[in-house]
Amino acid sequence: MKLIFINFFKKKKNRKGRGISSENGKTCGRGHKGQTSRSGYNIPNFFEGGQTNYFKRTPKIKYKIIKKKKKIYNVLYENKKFN
């Protein structure tokens, strides 16, 4: 247990961009071209590659719920009228 804990702190930091043989040389493990290889890469979680977002595609639910409640209320009100 103690040996494992000591080895954890002795682990060498992976140095990026230090030659081809280091496995993280040249492109530093980012790959070639593309949005993810650029500096400052940050995409919001809801981004879908230019496709319209899910929450923009779907209709607002609140309006539908209110509409249903009105229909139910109207039906109940009409039943009371005739009874």
Foldseek 3Di string as FASTA:
>chain_A
DVVVVVVVVVDDDQDAQDDDVSVRHDQRPQDDDDQSSDPPRDDDPQDDPPPPGPVVPDDDVVVVVVVVVVVVVVVVVVVVVVD
